Amino acid sequence: MFVVLVILSLLVAILLIGVVLIQKSKGGGLSSTFAGSNQIMGVRRTNSVIEKMTWSLAGALAVLAILSTFFMPAALTPTSRVNATATEQTQGGNFDTQAPAAPAAPAAPAAGE
């Protein structure tokens, strides 16, 4: 299902690129070269159809993108690469050792010196 959604998204994106290039821009665009369609439907109606097609393709692309995130396959390795820390102590420690002796405190200097 995910592959089908990705292929549909690519097709809609290519169609959207084509429709945007056909739209009339400030410089005239490619829609001004199609004189036959202007005579049949009129300039205003042609631009309205192209604009509606642009918005519908953009909406379809957004919906396909959202749907593809829901159908995206899970990761191939479900376990983490980070090793978990041990929760139990595996080897007993030697608790019979003596603490090191504290160093002797330095002698205080005499008051007369």
PDB file of N, CA and C in Angstrom:
ATOM      1  N   MET A   1       0.825  -1.195   0.000  1.00  0.00           N
ATOM      2  CA  MET A   1       0.000   0.000   0.000  1.00  0.00           C
ATOM      3  C   MET A   1       0.865   1.254   0.000  1.00  0.00           C
ATOM      4  N   PHE A   2       1.968   1.193   0.761  1.00  0.00           N
ATOM      5  CA  PHE A   2       2.853   2.344   0.842  1.00  0.00           C
ATOM      6  C   PHE A   2       3.454   2.673  -0.526  1.00  0.00           C
ATOM      7  N   VAL A   3       3.831   1.642  -1.269  1.00  0.00           N
ATOM      8  CA  VAL A   3       4.437   1.861  -2.588  1.00  0.00           C
ATOM      9  C   VAL A   3       3.413   2.488  -3.539  1.00  0.00           C
ATOM     10  N   VAL A   4       2.185   2.051  -3.455  1.00  0.00           N
ATOM     11  CA  VAL A   4       1.125   2.613  -4.311  1.00  0.00           C
ATOM     12  C   VAL A   4       0.923   4.101  -3.990  1.00  0.00           C
ATOM     13  N   LEU A   5       0.923   4.436  -2.703  1.00  0.00           N
ATOM     14  CA  LEU A   5       0.744   5.837  -2.319  1.00  0.00           C
ATOM     15  C   LEU A   5       1.917   6.704  -2.770  1.00  0.00           C
ATOM     16  N   VAL A   6       3.115   6.167  -2.718  1.00  0.00           N
ATOM     17  CA  VAL A   6       4.281   6.929  -3.167  1.00  0.00           C
ATOM     18  C   VAL A   6       4.221   7.153  -4.678  1.00  0.00           C
ATOM     19  N   ILE A   7       3.834   6.137  -5.421  1.00  0.00           N
ATOM     20  CA  ILE A   7       3.721   6.276  -6.878  1.00  0.00           C
ATOM     21  C   ILE A   7       2.630   7.286  -7.229  1.00  0.00           C
ATOM     22  N   LEU A   8       1.498   7.219  -6.539  1.00  0.00           N
ATOM     23  CA  LEU A   8       0.440   8.210  -6.784  1.00  0.00           C
ATOM     24  C   LEU A   8       0.899   9.627  -6.442  1.00  0.00           C
ATOM     25  N   SER A   9       1.657   9.752  -5.374  1.00  0.00           N
ATOM     26  CA  SER A   9       2.175  11.070  -4.991  1.00  0.00           C
ATOM     27  C   SER A   9       3.099  11.619  -6.064  1.00  0.00           C
ATOM     28  N   LEU A  10       3.934  10.769  -6.623  1.00  0.00           N
ATOM     29  CA  LEU A  10       4.829  11.220  -7.695  1.00  0.00           C
ATOM     30  C   LEU A  10       4.044  11.649  -8.936  1.00  0.00           C
ATOM     31  N   LEU A  11       3.013  10.888  -9.296  1.00  0.00           N
ATOM     32  CA  LEU A  11       2.200  11.258 -10.461  1.00  0.00           C
ATOM     33  C   LEU A  11       1.471  12.579 -10.238  1.00  0.00           C
ATOM     34  N   VAL A  12       0.918  12.755  -9.049  1.00  0.00           N
ATOM     35  CA  VAL A  12       0.218  14.012  -8.746  1.00  0.00           C
ATOM     36  C   VAL A  12       1.201  15.182  -8.743  1.00  0.00           C
ATOM     37  N   ALA A  13       2.407  14.962  -8.239  1.00  0.00           N
ATOM     38  CA  ALA A  13       3.404  16.033  -8.226  1.00  0.00           C
ATOM     39  C   ALA A  13       3.807  16.426  -9.640  1.00  0.00           C
ATOM     40  N   ILE A  14       3.964  15.451 -10.528  1.00  0.00           N
ATOM     41  CA  ILE A  14       4.317  15.758 -11.919  1.00  0.00           C
ATOM     42  C   ILE A  14       3.176  16.505 -12.604  1.00  0.00           C
ATOM     43  N   LEU A  15       1.932  16.072 -12.357  1.00  0.00           N
ATOM     44  CA  LEU A  15       0.782  16.796 -12.930  1.00  0.00           C
ATOM     45  C   LEU A  15       0.694  18.218 -12.381  1.00  0.00           C
ATOM     46  N   LEU A  16       0.991  18.382 -11.107  1.00  0.00           N
ATOM     47  CA  LEU A  16       0.945  19.707 -10.494  1.00  0.00           C
ATOM     48  C   LEU A  16       2.000  20.621 -11.111  1.00  0.00           C
ATOM     49  N   ILE A  17       3.170  20.089 -11.392  1.00  0.00           N
ATOM     50  CA  ILE A  17       4.212  20.890 -12.046  1.00  0.00           C
ATOM     51  C   ILE A  17       3.733  21.345 -13.416  1.00  0.00           C
ATOM     52  N   GLY A  18       3.117  20.426 -14.162  1.00  0.00           N
ATOM     53  CA  GLY A  18       2.610  20.781 -15.488  1.00  0.00           C
ATOM     54  C   GLY A  18       1.518  21.834 -15.435  1.00  0.00           C
ATOM     55  N   VAL A  19       0.604  21.710 -14.485  1.00  0.00           N
ATOM     56  CA  VAL A  19      -0.498  22.670 -14.376  1.00  0.00           C
ATOM     57  C   VAL A  19       0.026  24.043 -13.968  1.00  0.00           C
ATOM     58  N   VAL A  20       0.995  24.079 -13.080  1.00  0.00           N
ATOM     59  CA  VAL A  20       1.546  25.368 -12.662  1.00  0.00           C
ATOM     60  C   VAL A  20       2.263  26.044 -13.821  1.00  0.00           C
ATOM     61  N   LEU A  21       2.937  25.261 -14.655  1.00  0.00           N
ATOM     62  CA  LEU A  21       3.616  25.860 -15.810  1.00  0.00           C
ATOM     63  C   LEU A  21       2.620  26.380 -16.845  1.00  0.00           C
ATOM     64  N   ILE A  22       1.442  25.797 -16.922  1.00  0.00           N
ATOM     65  CA  ILE A  22       0.439  26.237 -17.892  1.00  0.00           C
ATOM     66  C   ILE A  22      -0.235  27.539 -17.454  1.00  0.00           C
ATOM     67  N   GLN A  23      -0.274  27.791 -16.156  1.00  0.00           N
ATOM     68  CA  GLN A  23      -0.992  28.972 -15.658  1.00  0.00           C
ATOM     69  C   GLN A  23      -0.424  30.269 -16.228  1.00  0.00           C
ATOM     70  N   LYS A  24      -1.286  31.231 -16.318  1.00  0.00           N
ATOM     71  CA  LYS A  24      -0.888  32.542 -16.824  1.00  0.00           C
ATOM     72  C   LYS A  24      -0.177  33.296 -15.710  1.00  0.00           C
ATOM     73  N   SER A  25       1.016  33.712 -16.004  1.00  0.00           N
ATOM     74  CA  SER A  25       1.774  34.488 -15.032  1.00  0.00           C
ATOM     75  C   SER A  25       1.812  35.940 -15.482  1.00  0.00           C
ATOM     76  N   LYS A  26       2.621  36.751 -14.818  1.00  0.00           N
ATOM     77  CA  LYS A  26       2.720  38.160 -15.198  1.00  0.00           C
ATOM     78  C   LYS A  26       3.307  38.328 -16.595  1.00  0.00           C
ATOM     79  N   GLY A  27       4.138  37.370 -17.003  1.00  0.00           N
ATOM     80  CA  GLY A  27       4.760  37.445 -18.319  1.00  0.00           C
ATOM     81  C   GLY A  27       3.939  36.804 -19.417  1.00  0.00           C
ATOM     82  N   GLY A  28       2.765  36.294 -19.134  1.00  0.00           N
ATOM     83  CA  GLY A  28       1.933  35.679 -20.152  1.00  0.00           C
ATOM     84  C   GLY A  28       1.800  34.188 -19.955  1.00  0.00           C
ATOM     85  N   GLY A  29       2.877  33.514 -19.602  1.00  0.00           N
ATOM     86  CA  GLY A  29       2.833  32.081 -19.326  1.00  0.00           C
ATOM     87  C   GLY A  29       2.559  31.254 -20.562  1.00  0.00           C
ATOM     88  N   LEU A  30       2.394  29.986 -20.374  1.00  0.00           N
ATOM     89  CA  LEU A  30       2.115  29.084 -21.484  1.00  0.00           C
ATOM     90  C   LEU A  30       0.643  29.088 -21.872  1.00  0.00           C
ATOM     91  N   SER A  31      -0.242  29.562 -20.991  1.00  0.00           N
ATOM     92  CA  SER A  31      -1.669  29.540 -21.309  1.00  0.00           C
ATOM     93  C   SER A  31      -2.018  30.514 -22.422  1.00  0.00           C
ATOM     94  N   SER A  32      -1.200  31.518 -22.651  1.00  0.00           N
ATOM     95  CA  SER A  32      -1.496  32.473 -23.721  1.00  0.00           C
ATOM     96  C   SER A  32      -1.249  31.866 -25.091  1.00  0.00           C
ATOM     97  N   THR A  33      -0.470  30.802 -25.190  1.00  0.00           N
ATOM     98  CA  THR A  33      -0.198  30.182 -26.489  1.00  0.00           C
ATOM     99  C   THR A  33      -1.313  29.252 -26.930  1.00  0.00           C
ATOM    100  N   PHE A  34      -2.203  28.862 -26.046  1.00  0.00           N
ATOM    101  CA  PHE A  34      -3.307  27.973 -26.403  1.00  0.00           C
ATOM    102  C   PHE A  34      -4.505  28.826 -26.825  1.00  0.00           C
ATOM    103  N   ALA A  35      -4.472  29.317 -28.032  1.00  0.00           N
ATOM    104  CA  ALA A  35      -5.519  30.220 -28.508  1.00  0.00           C
ATOM    105  C   ALA A  35      -6.826  29.480 -28.749  1.00  0.00           C
ATOM    106  N   GLY A  36      -6.758  28.207 -29.128  1.00  0.00           N
ATOM    107  CA  GLY A  36      -7.981  27.447 -29.408  1.00  0.00           C
ATOM    108  C   GLY A  36      -8.845  27.290 -28.179  1.00  0.00           C
ATOM    109  N   SER A  37      -8.245  27.041 -27.033  1.00  0.00           N
ATOM    110  CA  SER A  37      -9.042  26.877 -25.827  1.00  0.00           C
ATOM    111  C   SER A  37      -9.617  28.209 -25.372  1.00  0.00           C
ATOM    112  N   ASN A  38      -8.945  29.298 -25.660  1.00  0.00           N
ATOM    113  CA  ASN A  38      -9.466  30.618 -25.289  1.00  0.00           C
ATOM    114  C   ASN A  38     -10.706  30.961 -26.113  1.00  0.00           C
ATOM    115  N   GLN A  39     -10.757  30.505 -27.352  1.00  0.00           N
ATOM    116  CA  GLN A  39     -11.913  30.801 -28.184  1.00  0.00           C
ATOM    117  C   GLN A  39     -13.116  29.960 -27.763  1.00  0.00           C
ATOM    118  N   ILE A  40     -12.889  28.766 -27.268  1.00  0.00           N
ATOM    119  CA  ILE A  40     -14.007  27.892 -26.909  1.00  0.00           C
ATOM    120  C   ILE A  40     -14.593  28.279 -25.550  1.00  0.00           C
ATOM    121  N   MET A  41     -13.738  28.346 -24.521  1.00  0.00           N
ATOM    122  CA  MET A  41     -14.242  28.572 -23.173  1.00  0.00           C
ATOM    123  C   MET A  41     -14.061  30.010 -22.698  1.00  0.00           C
ATOM    124  N   GLY A  42     -13.247  30.769 -23.335  1.00  0.00           N
ATOM    125  CA  GLY A  42     -12.986  32.123 -22.884  1.00  0.00           C
ATOM    126  C   GLY A  42     -11.797  32.139 -21.929  1.00  0.00           C
ATOM    127  N   VAL A  43     -11.138  33.293 -21.841  1.00  0.00           N
ATOM    128  CA  VAL A  43      -9.912  33.399 -21.055  1.00  0.00           C
ATOM    129  C   VAL A  43     -10.207  33.238 -19.564  1.00  0.00           C
ATOM    130  N   ARG A  44     -11.255  33.888 -19.078  1.00  0.00           N
ATOM    131  CA  ARG A  44     -11.554  33.823 -17.650  1.00  0.00           C
ATOM    132  C   ARG A  44     -11.905  32.403 -17.217  1.00  0.00           C
ATOM    133  N   ARG A  45     -12.658  31.713 -18.036  1.00  0.00           N
ATOM    134  CA  ARG A  45     -13.066  30.356 -17.674  1.00  0.00           C
ATOM    135  C   ARG A  45     -11.871  29.398 -17.707  1.00  0.00           C
ATOM    136  N   THR A  46     -10.956  29.565 -18.653  1.00  0.00           N
ATOM    137  CA  THR A  46      -9.782  28.714 -18.726  1.00  0.00           C
ATOM    138  C   THR A  46      -8.924  28.884 -17.484  1.00  0.00           C
ATOM    139  N   ASN A  47      -8.704  30.122 -17.078  1.00  0.00           N
ATOM    140  CA  ASN A  47      -7.898  30.376 -15.893  1.00  0.00           C
ATOM    141  C   ASN A  47      -8.585  29.831 -14.647  1.00  0.00           C
ATOM    142  N   SER A  48      -9.905  29.892 -14.600  1.00  0.00           N
ATOM    143  CA  SER A  48     -10.631  29.375 -13.459  1.00  0.00           C
ATOM    144  C   SER A  48     -10.480  27.854 -13.369  1.00  0.00           C
ATOM    145  N   VAL A  49     -10.563  27.156 -14.502  1.00  0.00           N
ATOM    146  CA  VAL A  49     -10.424  25.701 -14.526  1.00  0.00           C
ATOM    147  C   VAL A  49      -9.006  25.308 -14.120  1.00  0.00           C
ATOM    148  N   ILE A  50      -8.020  26.018 -14.631  1.00  0.00           N
ATOM    149  CA  ILE A  50      -6.625  25.707 -14.303  1.00  0.00           C
ATOM    150  C   ILE A  50      -6.360  25.985 -12.828  1.00  0.00           C
ATOM    151  N   GLU A  51      -6.921  27.050 -12.299  1.00  0.00           N
ATOM    152  CA  GLU A  51      -6.717  27.358 -10.886  1.00  0.00           C
ATOM    153  C   GLU A  51      -7.379  26.306  -9.996  1.00  0.00           C
ATOM    154  N   LYS A  52      -8.583  25.872 -10.365  1.00  0.00           N
ATOM    155  CA  LYS A  52      -9.251  24.820  -9.584  1.00  0.00           C
ATOM    156  C   LYS A  52      -8.469  23.507  -9.664  1.00  0.00           C
ATOM    157  N   MET A  53      -7.911  23.214 -10.823  1.00  0.00           N
ATOM    158  CA  MET A  53      -7.115  22.007 -10.978  1.00  0.00           C
ATOM    159  C   MET A  53      -5.845  22.088 -10.116  1.00  0.00           C
ATOM    160  N   THR A  54      -5.252  23.272 -10.033  1.00  0.00           N
ATOM    161  CA  THR A  54      -4.056  23.454  -9.213  1.00  0.00           C
ATOM    162  C   THR A  54      -4.370  23.210  -7.746  1.00  0.00           C
ATOM    163  N   TRP A  55      -5.450  23.800  -7.270  1.00  0.00           N
ATOM    164  CA  TRP A  55      -5.806  23.621  -5.856  1.00  0.00           C
ATOM    165  C   TRP A  55      -6.193  22.175  -5.545  1.00  0.00           C
ATOM    166  N   SER A  56      -6.901  21.530  -6.462  1.00  0.00           N
ATOM    167  CA  SER A  56      -7.297  20.143  -6.202  1.00  0.00           C
ATOM    168  C   SER A  56      -6.086  19.208  -6.221  1.00  0.00           C
ATOM    169  N   LEU A  57      -5.132  19.432  -7.124  1.00  0.00           N
ATOM    170  CA  LEU A  57      -3.930  18.606  -7.143  1.00  0.00           C
ATOM    171  C   LEU A  57      -3.067  18.848  -5.908  1.00  0.00           C
ATOM    172  N   ALA A  58      -2.995  20.094  -5.461  1.00  0.00           N
ATOM    173  CA  ALA A  58      -2.229  20.393  -4.243  1.00  0.00           C
ATOM    174  C   ALA A  58      -2.875  19.731  -3.028  1.00  0.00           C
ATOM    175  N   GLY A  59      -4.203  19.771  -2.963  1.00  0.00           N
ATOM    176  CA  GLY A  59      -4.903  19.102  -1.865  1.00  0.00           C
ATOM    177  C   GLY A  59      -4.729  17.593  -1.917  1.00  0.00           C
ATOM    178  N   ALA A  60      -4.787  17.025  -3.121  1.00  0.00           N
ATOM    179  CA  ALA A  60      -4.592  15.584  -3.263  1.00  0.00           C
ATOM    180  C   ALA A  60      -3.177  15.181  -2.851  1.00  0.00           C
ATOM    181  N   LEU A  61      -2.199  16.011  -3.173  1.00  0.00           N
ATOM    182  CA  LEU A  61      -0.821  15.718  -2.782  1.00  0.00           C
ATOM    183  C   LEU A  61      -0.661  15.770  -1.270  1.00  0.00           C
ATOM    184  N   ALA A  62      -1.314  16.714  -0.627  1.00  0.00           N
ATOM    185  CA  ALA A  62      -1.244  16.800   0.839  1.00  0.00           C
ATOM    186  C   ALA A  62      -1.905  15.585   1.488  1.00  0.00           C
ATOM    187  N   VAL A  63      -3.055  15.169   0.972  1.00  0.00           N
ATOM    188  CA  VAL A  63      -3.749  14.004   1.528  1.00  0.00           C
ATOM    189  C   VAL A  63      -2.922  12.733   1.321  1.00  0.00           C
ATOM    190  N   LEU A  64      -2.313  12.594   0.148  1.00  0.00           N
ATOM    191  CA  LEU A  64      -1.480  11.423  -0.113  1.00  0.00           C
ATOM    192  C   LEU A  64      -0.249  11.403   0.788  1.00  0.00           C
ATOM    193  N   ALA A  65       0.303  12.568   1.074  1.00  0.00           N
ATOM    194  CA  ALA A  65       1.463  12.623   1.966  1.00  0.00           C
ATOM    195  C   ALA A  65       1.081  12.198   3.385  1.00  0.00           C
ATOM    196  N   ILE A  66      -0.074  12.642   3.847  1.00  0.00           N
ATOM    197  CA  ILE A  66      -0.522  12.263   5.188  1.00  0.00           C
ATOM    198  C   ILE A  66      -0.843  10.770   5.248  1.00  0.00           C
ATOM    199  N   LEU A  67      -1.514  10.252   4.224  1.00  0.00           N
ATOM    200  CA  LEU A  67      -1.838   8.827   4.196  1.00  0.00           C
ATOM    201  C   LEU A  67      -0.581   7.964   4.127  1.00  0.00           C
ATOM    202  N   SER A  68       0.421   8.420   3.404  1.00  0.00           N
ATOM    203  CA  SER A  68       1.628   7.610   3.282  1.00  0.00           C
ATOM    204  C   SER A  68       2.372   7.509   4.603  1.00  0.00           C
ATOM    205  N   THR A  69       2.224   8.504   5.482  1.00  0.00           N
ATOM    206  CA  THR A  69       2.867   8.386   6.794  1.00  0.00           C
ATOM    207  C   THR A  69       2.187   7.326   7.652  1.00  0.00           C
ATOM    208  N   PHE A  70       0.887   7.135   7.477  1.00  0.00           N
ATOM    209  CA  PHE A  70       0.188   6.108   8.247  1.00  0.00           C
ATOM    210  C   PHE A  70       0.506   4.700   7.754  1.00  0.00           C
ATOM    211  N   PHE A  71       0.756   4.552   6.458  1.00  0.00           N
ATOM    212  CA  PHE A  71       1.028   3.242   5.890  1.00  0.00           C
ATOM    213  C   PHE A  71       2.521   2.963   5.741  1.00  0.00           C
ATOM    214  N   MET A  72       3.363   3.822   6.292  1.00  0.00           N
ATOM    215  CA  MET A  72       4.797   3.627   6.198  1.00  0.00           C
ATOM    216  C   MET A  72       5.192   2.360   6.957  1.00  0.00           C
ATOM    217  N   PRO A  73       6.049   1.533   6.364  1.00  0.00           N
ATOM    218  CA  PRO A  73       6.430   0.304   7.067  1.00  0.00           C
ATOM    219  C   PRO A  73       7.264   0.613   8.299  1.00  0.00           C
ATOM    220  N   ALA A  74       7.210  -0.307   9.249  1.00  0.00           N
ATOM    221  CA  ALA A  74       7.974  -0.141  10.481  1.00  0.00           C
ATOM    222  C   ALA A  74       9.458  -0.323  10.178  1.00  0.00           C
ATOM    223  N   ALA A  75      10.298   0.045  11.124  1.00  0.00           N
ATOM    224  CA  ALA A  75      11.736  -0.105  10.966  1.00  0.00           C
ATOM    225  C   ALA A  75      12.089  -1.584  10.820  1.00  0.00           C
ATOM    226  N   LEU A  76      13.145  -1.864  10.102  1.00  0.00           N
ATOM    227  CA  LEU A  76      13.523  -3.249   9.859  1.00  0.00           C
ATOM    228  C   LEU A  76      14.076  -3.922  11.108  1.00  0.00           C
ATOM    229  N   THR A  77      14.781  -3.173  11.927  1.00  0.00           N
ATOM    230  CA  THR A  77      15.326  -3.738  13.157  1.00  0.00           C
ATOM    231  C   THR A  77      14.564  -3.152  14.338  1.00  0.00           C
ATOM    232  N   PRO A  78      13.695  -3.953  14.962  1.00  0.00           N
ATOM    233  CA  PRO A  78      12.885  -3.405  16.051  1.00  0.00           C
ATOM    234  C   PRO A  78      13.677  -3.183  17.329  1.00  0.00           C
ATOM    235  N   THR A  79      14.872  -3.775  17.429  1.00  0.00           N
ATOM    236  CA  THR A  79      15.645  -3.590  18.648  1.00  0.00           C
ATOM    237  C   THR A  79      16.583  -2.413  18.487  1.00  0.00           C
ATOM    238  N   SER A  80      16.965  -1.864  19.593  1.00  0.00           N
ATOM    239  CA  SER A  80      17.865  -0.726  19.587  1.00  0.00           C
ATOM    240  C   SER A  80      19.301  -1.206  19.489  1.00  0.00           C
ATOM    241  N   ARG A  81      20.157  -0.402  18.902  1.00  0.00           N
ATOM    242  CA  ARG A  81      21.564  -0.738  18.814  1.00  0.00           C
ATOM    243  C   ARG A  81      22.292  -0.411  20.110  1.00  0.00           C
ATOM    244  N   VAL A  82      21.673   0.351  20.968  1.00  0.00           N
ATOM    245  CA  VAL A  82      22.272   0.698  22.244  1.00  0.00           C
ATOM    246  C   VAL A  82      22.043  -0.462  23.205  1.00  0.00           C
ATOM    247  N   ASN A  83      23.111  -0.956  23.809  1.00  0.00           N
ATOM    248  CA  ASN A  83      22.982  -2.063  24.754  1.00  0.00           C
ATOM    249  C   ASN A  83      22.369  -1.560  26.050  1.00  0.00           C
ATOM    250  N   ALA A  84      21.402  -2.293  26.536  1.00  0.00           N
ATOM    251  CA  ALA A  84      20.756  -1.918  27.785  1.00  0.00           C
ATOM    252  C   ALA A  84      21.685  -2.242  28.950  1.00  0.00           C
ATOM    253  N   THR A  85      21.636  -1.433  29.971  1.00  0.00           N
ATOM    254  CA  THR A  85      22.457  -1.699  31.146  1.00  0.00           C
ATOM    255  C   THR A  85      21.844  -2.839  31.941  1.00  0.00           C
ATOM    256  N   ALA A  86      22.702  -3.603  32.599  1.00  0.00           N
ATOM    257  CA  ALA A  86      22.224  -4.738  33.386  1.00  0.00           C
ATOM    258  C   ALA A  86      21.469  -4.240  34.604  1.00  0.00           C
ATOM    259  N   THR A  87      20.334  -4.854  34.869  1.00  0.00           N
ATOM    260  CA  THR A  87      19.533  -4.431  36.014  1.00  0.00           C
ATOM    261  C   THR A  87      19.890  -5.219  37.261  1.00  0.00           C
ATOM    262  N   GLU A  88      20.524  -6.373  37.091  1.00  0.00           N
ATOM    263  CA  GLU A  88      20.918  -7.191  38.229  1.00  0.00           C
ATOM    264  C   GLU A  88      22.434  -7.311  38.261  1.00  0.00           C
ATOM    265  N   GLN A  89      22.968  -7.488  39.445  1.00  0.00           N
ATOM    266  CA  GLN A  89      24.404  -7.660  39.574  1.00  0.00           C
ATOM    267  C   GLN A  89      24.733  -9.096  39.211  1.00  0.00           C
ATOM    268  N   THR A  90      25.647  -9.272  38.262  1.00  0.00           N
ATOM    269  CA  THR A  90      25.947 -10.615  37.794  1.00  0.00           C
ATOM    270  C   THR A  90      27.014 -11.301  38.629  1.00  0.00           C
ATOM    271  N   GLN A  91      27.961 -10.558  39.197  1.00  0.00           N
ATOM    272  CA  GLN A  91      28.998 -11.148  40.035  1.00  0.00           C
ATOM    273  C   GLN A  91      28.952 -10.484  41.398  1.00  0.00           C
ATOM    274  N   GLY A  92      29.142 -11.325  42.412  1.00  0.00           N
ATOM    275  CA  GLY A  92      29.155 -10.779  43.763  1.00  0.00           C
ATOM    276  C   GLY A  92      30.464 -10.053  44.031  1.00  0.00           C
ATOM    277  N   GLY A  93      30.405  -8.984  44.770  1.00  0.00           N
ATOM    278  CA  GLY A  93      31.604  -8.232  45.109  1.00  0.00           C
ATOM    279  C   GLY A  93      32.263  -8.792  46.361  1.00  0.00           C
ATOM    280  N   ASN A  94      33.506  -8.436  46.591  1.00  0.00           N
ATOM    281  CA  ASN A  94      34.230  -8.848  47.797  1.00  0.00           C
ATOM    282  C   ASN A  94      34.043  -7.750  48.835  1.00  0.00           C
ATOM    283  N   PHE A  95      33.132  -7.996  49.762  1.00  0.00           N
ATOM    284  CA  PHE A  95      32.808  -6.971  50.747  1.00  0.00           C
ATOM    285  C   PHE A  95      33.636  -7.109  52.020  1.00  0.00           C
ATOM    286  N   ASP A  96      34.628  -8.054  52.073  1.00  0.00           N
ATOM    287  CA  ASP A  96      35.449  -8.271  53.262  1.00  0.00           C
ATOM    288  C   ASP A  96      36.707  -7.417  53.260  1.00  0.00           C
ATOM    289  N   THR A  97      36.908  -6.580  52.290  1.00  0.00           N
ATOM    290  CA  THR A  97      38.133  -5.769  52.250  1.00  0.00           C
ATOM    291  C   THR A  97      38.050  -4.632  53.264  1.00  0.00           C
ATOM    292  N   GLN A  98      39.185  -4.245  53.749  1.00  0.00           N
ATOM    293  CA  GLN A  98      39.263  -3.160  54.724  1.00  0.00           C
ATOM    294  C   GLN A  98      39.386  -1.825  54.010  1.00  0.00           C
ATOM    295  N   ALA A  99      38.848  -0.814  54.613  1.00  0.00           N
ATOM    296  CA  ALA A  99      38.964   0.527  54.056  1.00  0.00           C
ATOM    297  C   ALA A  99      40.402   0.989  54.255  1.00  0.00           C
ATOM    298  N   PRO A 100      40.937   1.790  53.349  1.00  0.00           N
ATOM    299  CA  PRO A 100      42.312   2.258  53.527  1.00  0.00           C
ATOM    300  C   PRO A 100      42.404   3.143  54.773  1.00  0.00           C
ATOM    301  N   ALA A 101      43.556   3.076  55.399  1.00  0.00           N
ATOM    302  CA  ALA A 101      43.766   3.861  56.618  1.00  0.00           C
ATOM    303  C   ALA A 101      43.829   5.332  56.268  1.00  0.00           C
ATOM    304  N   ALA A 102      43.277   6.150  57.119  1.00  0.00           N
ATOM    305  CA  ALA A 102      43.291   7.602  56.893  1.00  0.00           C
ATOM    306  C   ALA A 102      44.701   8.111  57.145  1.00  0.00           C
ATOM    307  N   PRO A 103      45.163   9.074  56.362  1.00  0.00           N
ATOM    308  CA  PRO A 103      46.515   9.595  56.592  1.00  0.00           C
ATOM    309  C   PRO A 103      46.572  10.345  57.929  1.00  0.00           C
ATOM    310  N   ALA A 104      47.739  10.313  58.517  1.00  0.00           N
ATOM    311  CA  ALA A 104      47.926  10.961  59.813  1.00  0.00           C
ATOM    312  C   ALA A 104      47.838  12.476  59.638  1.00  0.00           C
ATOM    313  N   ALA A 105      47.221  13.125  60.605  1.00  0.00           N
ATOM    314  CA  ALA A 105      47.087  14.578  60.535  1.00  0.00           C
ATOM    315  C   ALA A 105      48.440  15.212  60.819  1.00  0.00           C
ATOM    316  N   PRO A 106      48.788  16.294  60.139  1.00  0.00           N
ATOM    317  CA  PRO A 106      50.076  16.939  60.391  1.00  0.00           C
ATOM    318  C   PRO A 106      50.110  17.545  61.797  1.00  0.00           C
ATOM    319  N   ALA A 107      51.265  17.510  62.378  1.00  0.00           N
ATOM    320  CA  ALA A 107      51.411  18.045  63.738  1.00  0.00           C
ATOM    321  C   ALA A 107      51.287  19.551  63.711  1.00  0.00           C
ATOM    322  N   ALA A 108      50.620  20.077  64.737  1.00  0.00           N
ATOM    323  CA  ALA A 108      50.433  21.524  64.821  1.00  0.00           C
ATOM    324  C   ALA A 108      51.757  22.164  65.281  1.00  0.00           C
ATOM    325  N   PRO A 109      52.161  23.298  64.729  1.00  0.00           N
ATOM    326  CA  PRO A 109      53.390  23.956  65.164  1.00  0.00           C
ATOM    327  C   PRO A 109      53.253  24.495  66.607  1.00  0.00           C
ATOM    328  N   ALA A 110      54.340  24.486  67.279  1.00  0.00           N
ATOM    329  CA  ALA A 110      54.331  24.991  68.664  1.00  0.00           C
ATOM    330  C   ALA A 110      54.120  26.485  68.689  1.00  0.00           C
ATOM    331  N   ALA A 111      53.539  27.000  69.779  1.00  0.00           N
ATOM    332  CA  ALA A 111      53.206  28.437  69.852  1.00  0.00           C
ATOM    333  C   ALA A 111      54.469  29.282  70.015  1.00  0.00           C
ATOM    334  N   GLY A 112      55.526  28.723  70.576  1.00  0.00           N
ATOM    335  CA  GLY A 112      56.713  29.516  70.803  1.00  0.00           C
ATOM    336  C   GLY A 112      57.608  29.591  69.571  1.00  0.00           C
ATOM    337  N   GLU A 113      57.405  28.892  68.608  1.00  0.00           N
ATOM    338  CA  GLU A 113      58.337  28.906  67.483  1.00  0.00           C
ATOM    339  C   GLU A 113      58.076  30.008  66.548  1.00  0.00           C
TER     340      GLU A 113
END
